[in-house]
Amino acid sequence: MTLLAPAPITRPAAMTLTEAEPGFWVASTSGAFAGTVDHHGDHFYVRDCFSQYLGDYSDLATAAARLRTDASVRDAA
């Protein structure tokens, strides 16, 4: 009989959101590009690391949460 060691428990990498210029934020996880948030008018437009449109939101916190969720799902795959 062979015993297997349990898989290590890993936590998702923290996402960093940096305002590169007024109204434009760049997200990264573990130093890798994770996407952007672009503010125009009343909307915060979110794009992932492949520039795929993920939606628009009424505030930065919700937009960042959407990007964080996308990055977490991608990291888990």
PDB file of N, CA and C in Angstrom:
ATOM      1  N   MET A   1       0.849  -1.174   0.000  1.00  0.00           N
ATOM      2  CA  MET A   1       0.000   0.000   0.000  1.00  0.00           C
ATOM      3  C   MET A   1       0.896   1.239   0.000  1.00  0.00           C
ATOM      4  N   THR A   2       0.536   2.225  -0.805  1.00  0.00           N
ATOM      5  CA  THR A   2       1.288   3.473  -0.898  1.00  0.00           C
ATOM      6  C   THR A   2       0.492   4.605  -0.267  1.00  0.00           C
ATOM      7  N   LEU A   3       1.146   5.344   0.584  1.00  0.00           N
ATOM      8  CA  LEU A   3       0.499   6.511   1.191  1.00  0.00           C
ATOM      9  C   LEU A   3       0.838   7.745   0.385  1.00  0.00           C
ATOM     10  N   LEU A   4      -0.148   8.532   0.138  1.00  0.00           N
ATOM     11  CA  LEU A   4       0.059   9.778  -0.597  1.00  0.00           C
ATOM     12  C   LEU A   4      -0.034  10.944   0.367  1.00  0.00           C
ATOM     13  N   ALA A   5       0.845  11.874   0.201  1.00  0.00           N
ATOM     14  CA  ALA A   5       0.799  13.080   1.035  1.00  0.00           C
ATOM     15  C   ALA A   5      -0.384  13.930   0.581  1.00  0.00           C
ATOM     16  N   PRO A   6      -1.071  14.565   1.526  1.00  0.00           N
ATOM     17  CA  PRO A   6      -2.186  15.427   1.126  1.00  0.00           C
ATOM     18  C   PRO A   6      -1.683  16.611   0.307  1.00  0.00           C
ATOM     19  N   ALA A   7      -2.533  17.065  -0.577  1.00  0.00           N
ATOM     20  CA  ALA A   7      -2.182  18.226  -1.390  1.00  0.00           C
ATOM     21  C   ALA A   7      -2.043  19.446  -0.486  1.00  0.00           C
ATOM     22  N   PRO A   8      -1.050  20.291  -0.749  1.00  0.00           N
ATOM     23  CA  PRO A   8      -0.883  21.482   0.087  1.00  0.00           C
ATOM     24  C   PRO A   8      -2.072  22.425  -0.069  1.00  0.00           C
ATOM     25  N   ILE A   9      -2.416  23.050   1.005  1.00  0.00           N
ATOM     26  CA  ILE A   9      -3.502  24.031   0.976  1.00  0.00           C
ATOM     27  C   ILE A   9      -2.911  25.347   0.507  1.00  0.00           C
ATOM     28  N   THR A  10      -3.454  25.859  -0.566  1.00  0.00           N
ATOM     29  CA  THR A  10      -2.965  27.134  -1.085  1.00  0.00           C
ATOM     30  C   THR A  10      -4.071  28.165  -1.005  1.00  0.00           C
ATOM     31  N   ARG A  11      -3.678  29.369  -0.721  1.00  0.00           N
ATOM     32  CA  ARG A  11      -4.630  30.470  -0.685  1.00  0.00           C
ATOM     33  C   ARG A  11      -4.486  31.266  -1.968  1.00  0.00           C
ATOM     34  N   PRO A  12      -5.592  31.804  -2.478  1.00  0.00           N
ATOM     35  CA  PRO A  12      -5.493  32.622  -3.687  1.00  0.00           C
ATOM     36  C   PRO A  12      -4.577  33.824  -3.434  1.00  0.00           C
ATOM     37  N   ALA A  13      -3.826  34.176  -4.433  1.00  0.00           N
ATOM     38  CA  ALA A  13      -2.937  35.328  -4.313  1.00  0.00           C
ATOM     39  C   ALA A  13      -3.751  36.605  -4.157  1.00  0.00           C
ATOM     40  N   ALA A  14      -3.254  37.496  -3.353  1.00  0.00           N
ATOM     41  CA  ALA A  14      -3.922  38.783  -3.166  1.00  0.00           C
ATOM     42  C   ALA A  14      -3.799  39.602  -4.454  1.00  0.00           C
ATOM     43  N   MET A  15      -4.856  40.298  -4.787  1.00  0.00           N
ATOM     44  CA  MET A  15      -4.843  41.142  -5.968  1.00  0.00           C
ATOM     45  C   MET A  15      -4.483  42.562  -5.569  1.00  0.00           C
ATOM     46  N   THR A  16      -3.607  43.168  -6.338  1.00  0.00           N
ATOM     47  CA  THR A  16      -3.226  44.557  -6.134  1.00  0.00           C
ATOM     48  C   THR A  16      -3.823  45.390  -7.253  1.00  0.00           C
ATOM     49  N   LEU A  17      -4.480  46.481  -6.886  1.00  0.00           N
ATOM     50  CA  LEU A  17      -5.082  47.384  -7.860  1.00  0.00           C
ATOM     51  C   LEU A  17      -4.362  48.721  -7.747  1.00  0.00           C
ATOM     52  N   THR A  18      -3.687  49.129  -8.817  1.00  0.00           N
ATOM     53  CA  THR A  18      -2.884  50.341  -8.828  1.00  0.00           C
ATOM     54  C   THR A  18      -3.431  51.319  -9.856  1.00  0.00           C
ATOM     55  N   GLU A  19      -3.627  52.566  -9.453  1.00  0.00           N
ATOM     56  CA  GLU A  19      -4.108  53.576 -10.403  1.00  0.00           C
ATOM     57  C   GLU A  19      -2.918  54.040 -11.235  1.00  0.00           C
ATOM     58  N   ALA A  20      -2.869  53.576 -12.484  1.00  0.00           N
ATOM     59  CA  ALA A  20      -1.772  53.892 -13.383  1.00  0.00           C
ATOM     60  C   ALA A  20      -1.845  55.333 -13.875  1.00  0.00           C
ATOM     61  N   GLU A  21      -3.062  55.812 -14.063  1.00  0.00           N
ATOM     62  CA  GLU A  21      -3.323  57.209 -14.409  1.00  0.00           C
ATOM     63  C   GLU A  21      -4.741  57.507 -13.944  1.00  0.00           C
ATOM     64  N   PRO A  22      -5.118  58.765 -13.852  1.00  0.00           N
ATOM     65  CA  PRO A  22      -6.446  59.080 -13.329  1.00  0.00           C
ATOM     66  C   PRO A  22      -7.561  58.329 -14.073  1.00  0.00           C
ATOM     67  N   GLY A  23      -8.336  57.556 -13.329  1.00  0.00           N
ATOM     68  CA  GLY A  23      -9.454  56.832 -13.906  1.00  0.00           C
ATOM     69  C   GLY A  23      -9.112  55.509 -14.559  1.00  0.00           C
ATOM     70  N   PHE A  24      -7.872  55.043 -14.408  1.00  0.00           N
ATOM     71  CA  PHE A  24      -7.461  53.777 -15.025  1.00  0.00           C
ATOM     72  C   PHE A  24      -6.615  52.984 -14.039  1.00  0.00           C
ATOM     73  N   TRP A  25      -7.121  51.813 -13.638  1.00  0.00           N
ATOM     74  CA  TRP A  25      -6.435  50.969 -12.664  1.00  0.00           C
ATOM     75  C   TRP A  25      -5.950  49.691 -13.336  1.00  0.00           C
ATOM     76  N   VAL A  26      -4.782  49.226 -12.908  1.00  0.00           N
ATOM     77  CA  VAL A  26      -4.199  47.983 -13.401  1.00  0.00           C
ATOM     78  C   VAL A  26      -4.139  47.009 -12.230  1.00  0.00           C
ATOM     79  N   ALA A  27      -4.613  45.789 -12.456  1.00  0.00           N
ATOM     80  CA  ALA A  27      -4.643  44.772 -11.406  1.00  0.00           C
ATOM     81  C   ALA A  27      -3.564  43.730 -11.659  1.00  0.00           C
ATOM     82  N   SER A  28      -3.001  43.217 -10.552  1.00  0.00           N
ATOM     83  CA  SER A  28      -2.038  42.127 -10.655  1.00  0.00           C
ATOM     84  C   SER A  28      -2.192  41.179  -9.472  1.00  0.00           C
ATOM     85  N   THR A  29      -1.845  39.927  -9.714  1.00  0.00           N
ATOM     86  CA  THR A  29      -1.805  38.920  -8.661  1.00  0.00           C
ATOM     87  C   THR A  29      -0.460  38.230  -8.768  1.00  0.00           C
ATOM     88  N   SER A  30       0.260  38.172  -7.672  1.00  0.00           N
ATOM     89  CA  SER A  30       1.595  37.554  -7.637  1.00  0.00           C
ATOM     90  C   SER A  30       2.500  38.112  -8.730  1.00  0.00           C
ATOM     91  N   GLY A  31       2.368  39.392  -9.019  1.00  0.00           N
ATOM     92  CA  GLY A  31       3.212  40.037 -10.013  1.00  0.00           C
ATOM     93  C   GLY A  31       2.766  39.833 -11.450  1.00  0.00           C
ATOM     94  N   ALA A  32       1.715  39.063 -11.679  1.00  0.00           N
ATOM     95  CA  ALA A  32       1.219  38.820 -13.037  1.00  0.00           C
ATOM     96  C   ALA A  32       0.030  39.736 -13.324  1.00  0.00           C
ATOM     97  N   PHE A  33      -0.045  40.222 -14.547  1.00  0.00           N
ATOM     98  CA  PHE A  33      -1.134  41.088 -14.969  1.00  0.00           C
ATOM     99  C   PHE A  33      -2.467  40.356 -14.841  1.00  0.00           C
ATOM    100  N   ALA A  34      -3.462  40.995 -14.188  1.00  0.00           N
ATOM    101  CA  ALA A  34      -4.763  40.353 -13.964  1.00  0.00           C
ATOM    102  C   ALA A  34      -5.909  41.050 -14.686  1.00  0.00           C
ATOM    103  N   GLY A  35      -5.704  42.293 -15.134  1.00  0.00           N
ATOM    104  CA  GLY A  35      -6.761  42.997 -15.835  1.00  0.00           C
ATOM    105  C   GLY A  35      -6.756  44.483 -15.530  1.00  0.00           C
ATOM    106  N   THR A  36      -7.829  45.170 -15.976  1.00  0.00           N
ATOM    107  CA  THR A  36      -7.919  46.612 -15.792  1.00  0.00           C
ATOM    108  C   THR A  36      -9.330  47.036 -15.398  1.00  0.00           C
ATOM    109  N   VAL A  37      -9.392  48.216 -14.807  1.00  0.00           N
ATOM    110  CA  VAL A  37     -10.662  48.888 -14.537  1.00  0.00           C
ATOM    111  C   VAL A  37     -10.516  50.296 -15.108  1.00  0.00           C
ATOM    112  N   ASP A  38     -11.466  50.677 -15.938  1.00  0.00           N
ATOM    113  CA  ASP A  38     -11.427  51.974 -16.622  1.00  0.00           C
ATOM    114  C   ASP A  38     -12.683  52.756 -16.251  1.00  0.00           C
ATOM    115  N   HIS A  39     -12.520  53.966 -15.729  1.00  0.00           N
ATOM    116  CA  HIS A  39     -13.646  54.777 -15.261  1.00  0.00           C
ATOM    117  C   HIS A  39     -14.020  55.815 -16.312  1.00  0.00           C
ATOM    118  N   HIS A  40     -15.279  55.748 -16.755  1.00  0.00           N
ATOM    119  CA  HIS A  40     -15.818  56.731 -17.692  1.00  0.00           C
ATOM    120  C   HIS A  40     -17.211  57.102 -17.219  1.00  0.00           C
ATOM    121  N   GLY A  41     -17.445  58.378 -16.990  1.00  0.00           N
ATOM    122  CA  GLY A  41     -18.758  58.826 -16.532  1.00  0.00           C
ATOM    123  C   GLY A  41     -19.125  58.175 -15.217  1.00  0.00           C
ATOM    124  N   ASP A  42     -20.260  57.495 -15.192  1.00  0.00           N
ATOM    125  CA  ASP A  42     -20.729  56.810 -13.986  1.00  0.00           C
ATOM    126  C   ASP A  42     -20.370  55.333 -13.983  1.00  0.00           C
ATOM    127  N   HIS A  43     -19.548  54.874 -14.911  1.00  0.00           N
ATOM    128  CA  HIS A  43     -19.276  53.447 -15.062  1.00  0.00           C
ATOM    129  C   HIS A  43     -17.808  53.106 -14.848  1.00  0.00           C
ATOM    130  N   PHE A  44     -17.584  51.922 -14.294  1.00  0.00           N
ATOM    131  CA  PHE A  44     -16.253  51.351 -14.137  1.00  0.00           C
ATOM    132  C   PHE A  44     -16.234  50.081 -14.986  1.00  0.00           C
ATOM    133  N   TYR A  45     -15.518  50.127 -16.111  1.00  0.00           N
ATOM    134  CA  TYR A  45     -15.480  49.023 -17.064  1.00  0.00           C
ATOM    135  C   TYR A  45     -14.338  48.076 -16.706  1.00  0.00           C
ATOM    136  N   VAL A  46     -14.644  46.789 -16.644  1.00  0.00           N
ATOM    137  CA  VAL A  46     -13.668  45.787 -16.229  1.00  0.00           C
ATOM    138  C   VAL A  46     -13.289  44.901 -17.410  1.00  0.00           C
ATOM    139  N   ARG A  47     -11.979  44.684 -17.558  1.00  0.00           N
ATOM    140  CA  ARG A  47     -11.447  43.764 -18.577  1.00  0.00           C
ATOM    141  C   ARG A  47     -10.441  42.847 -17.896  1.00  0.00           C
ATOM    142  N   ASP A  48     -10.433  41.582 -18.306  1.00  0.00           N
ATOM    143  CA  ASP A  48      -9.518  40.622 -17.703  1.00  0.00           C
ATOM    144  C   ASP A  48      -8.127  40.715 -18.335  1.00  0.00           C
ATOM    145  N   CYS A  49      -7.260  39.778 -17.997  1.00  0.00           N
ATOM    146  CA  CYS A  49      -5.876  39.816 -18.484  1.00  0.00           C
ATOM    147  C   CYS A  49      -5.766  39.577 -19.989  1.00  0.00           C
ATOM    148  N   PHE A  50      -6.844  39.127 -20.615  1.00  0.00           N
ATOM    149  CA  PHE A  50      -6.862  38.914 -22.059  1.00  0.00           C
ATOM    150  C   PHE A  50      -7.638  40.011 -22.781  1.00  0.00           C
ATOM    151  N   SER A  51      -7.960  41.090 -22.050  1.00  0.00           N
ATOM    152  CA  SER A  51      -8.754  42.217 -22.544  1.00  0.00           C
ATOM    153  C   SER A  51     -10.195  41.838 -22.863  1.00  0.00           C
ATOM    154  N   GLN A  52     -10.667  40.736 -22.323  1.00  0.00           N
ATOM    155  CA  GLN A  52     -12.063  40.337 -22.480  1.00  0.00           C
ATOM    156  C   GLN A  52     -12.914  41.198 -21.561  1.00  0.00           C
ATOM    157  N   TYR A  53     -13.984  41.752 -22.074  1.00  0.00           N
ATOM    158  CA  TYR A  53     -14.901  42.590 -21.314  1.00  0.00           C
ATOM    159  C   TYR A  53     -15.637  41.746 -20.280  1.00  0.00           C
ATOM    160  N   LEU A  54     -15.586  42.162 -18.996  1.00  0.00           N
ATOM    161  CA  LEU A  54     -16.251  41.429 -17.919  1.00  0.00           C
ATOM    162  C   LEU A  54     -17.485  42.137 -17.384  1.00  0.00           C
ATOM    163  N   GLY A  55     -17.688  43.394 -17.776  1.00  0.00           N
ATOM    164  CA  GLY A  55     -18.871  44.110 -17.322  1.00  0.00           C
ATOM    165  C   GLY A  55     -18.558  45.526 -16.889  1.00  0.00           C
ATOM    166  N   ASP A  56     -19.624  46.285 -16.596  1.00  0.00           N
ATOM    167  CA  ASP A  56     -19.422  47.628 -16.057  1.00  0.00           C
ATOM    168  C   ASP A  56     -20.221  47.750 -14.769  1.00  0.00           C
ATOM    169  N   TYR A  57     -19.669  48.517 -13.854  1.00  0.00           N
ATOM    170  CA  TYR A  57     -20.202  48.612 -12.499  1.00  0.00           C
ATOM    171  C   TYR A  57     -20.286  50.063 -12.071  1.00  0.00           C
ATOM    172  N   SER A  58     -21.087  50.322 -11.054  1.00  0.00           N
ATOM    173  CA  SER A  58     -21.324  51.698 -10.624  1.00  0.00           C
ATOM    174  C   SER A  58     -20.294  52.209  -9.613  1.00  0.00           C
ATOM    175  N   ASP A  59     -19.427  51.319  -9.100  1.00  0.00           N
ATOM    176  CA  ASP A  59     -18.400  51.779  -8.161  1.00  0.00           C
ATOM    177  C   ASP A  59     -17.136  50.928  -8.302  1.00  0.00           C
ATOM    178  N   LEU A  60     -16.039  51.495  -7.864  1.00  0.00           N
ATOM    179  CA  LEU A  60     -14.733  50.842  -8.007  1.00  0.00           C
ATOM    180  C   LEU A  60     -14.650  49.562  -7.186  1.00  0.00           C
ATOM    181  N   ALA A  61     -15.210  49.555  -5.982  1.00  0.00           N
ATOM    182  CA  ALA A  61     -15.125  48.372  -5.120  1.00  0.00           C
ATOM    183  C   ALA A  61     -15.784  47.157  -5.786  1.00  0.00           C
ATOM    184  N   THR A  62     -16.935  47.352  -6.392  1.00  0.00           N
ATOM    185  CA  THR A  62     -17.639  46.247  -7.050  1.00  0.00           C
ATOM    186  C   THR A  62     -16.881  45.801  -8.296  1.00  0.00           C
ATOM    187  N   ALA A  63     -16.337  46.753  -9.039  1.00  0.00           N
ATOM    188  CA  ALA A  63     -15.549  46.419 -10.227  1.00  0.00           C
ATOM    189  C   ALA A  63     -14.314  45.615  -9.838  1.00  0.00           C
ATOM    190  N   ALA A  64     -13.630  46.035  -8.784  1.00  0.00           N
ATOM    191  CA  ALA A  64     -12.440  45.321  -8.311  1.00  0.00           C
ATOM    192  C   ALA A  64     -12.800  43.920  -7.832  1.00  0.00           C
ATOM    193  N   ALA A  65     -13.948  43.784  -7.161  1.00  0.00           N
ATOM    194  CA  ALA A  65     -14.383  42.465  -6.693  1.00  0.00           C
ATOM    195  C   ALA A  65     -14.626  41.532  -7.873  1.00  0.00           C
ATOM    196  N   ARG A  66     -15.204  42.046  -8.955  1.00  0.00           N
ATOM    197  CA  ARG A  66     -15.444  41.231 -10.154  1.00  0.00           C
ATOM    198  C   ARG A  66     -14.128  40.757 -10.747  1.00  0.00           C
ATOM    199  N   LEU A  67     -13.168  41.649 -10.809  1.00  0.00           N
ATOM    200  CA  LEU A  67     -11.854  41.301 -11.346  1.00  0.00           C
ATOM    201  C   LEU A  67     -11.156  40.295 -10.435  1.00  0.00           C
ATOM    202  N   ARG A  68     -11.278  40.469  -9.132  1.00  0.00           N
ATOM    203  CA  ARG A  68     -10.680  39.557  -8.160  1.00  0.00           C
ATOM    204  C   ARG A  68     -11.279  38.157  -8.314  1.00  0.00           C
ATOM    205  N   THR A  69     -12.595  38.074  -8.503  1.00  0.00           N
ATOM    206  CA  THR A  69     -13.268  36.781  -8.686  1.00  0.00           C
ATOM    207  C   THR A  69     -12.764  36.106  -9.944  1.00  0.00           C
ATOM    208  N   ASP A  70     -12.634  36.858 -11.029  1.00  0.00           N
ATOM    209  CA  ASP A  70     -12.159  36.308 -12.284  1.00  0.00           C
ATOM    210  C   ASP A  70     -10.742  35.775 -12.133  1.00  0.00           C
ATOM    211  N   ALA A  71      -9.873  36.526 -11.474  1.00  0.00           N
ATOM    212  CA  ALA A  71      -8.484  36.103 -11.289  1.00  0.00           C
ATOM    213  C   ALA A  71      -8.410  34.858 -10.403  1.00  0.00           C
ATOM    214  N   SER A  72      -9.255  34.767  -9.383  1.00  0.00           N
ATOM    215  CA  SER A  72      -9.255  33.617  -8.494  1.00  0.00           C
ATOM    216  C   SER A  72      -9.688  32.352  -9.234  1.00  0.00           C
ATOM    217  N   VAL A  73     -10.695  32.471 -10.060  1.00  0.00           N
ATOM    218  CA  VAL A  73     -11.179  31.324 -10.840  1.00  0.00           C
ATOM    219  C   VAL A  73     -10.106  30.874 -11.802  1.00  0.00           C
ATOM    220  N   ARG A  74      -9.446  31.810 -12.472  1.00  0.00           N
ATOM    221  CA  ARG A  74      -8.404  31.480 -13.429  1.00  0.00           C
ATOM    222  C   ARG A  74      -7.216  30.822 -12.738  1.00  0.00           C
ATOM    223  N   ASP A  75      -6.838  31.320 -11.548  1.00  0.00           N
ATOM    224  CA  ASP A  75      -5.720  30.745 -10.795  1.00  0.00           C
ATOM    225  C   ASP A  75      -6.031  29.335 -10.320  1.00  0.00           C
ATOM    226  N   ALA A  76      -7.288  29.045 -10.040  1.00  0.00           N
ATOM    227  CA  ALA A  76      -7.672  27.728  -9.540  1.00  0.00           C
ATOM    228  C   ALA A  76      -7.670  26.668 -10.647  1.00  0.00           C
ATOM    229  N   ALA A  77      -7.771  27.119 -11.881  1.00  0.00           N
ATOM    230  CA  ALA A  77      -7.850  26.162 -13.003  1.00  0.00           C
ATOM    231  C   ALA A  77      -6.515  25.548 -13.333  1.00  0.00           C
TER     232      ALA A  77
END
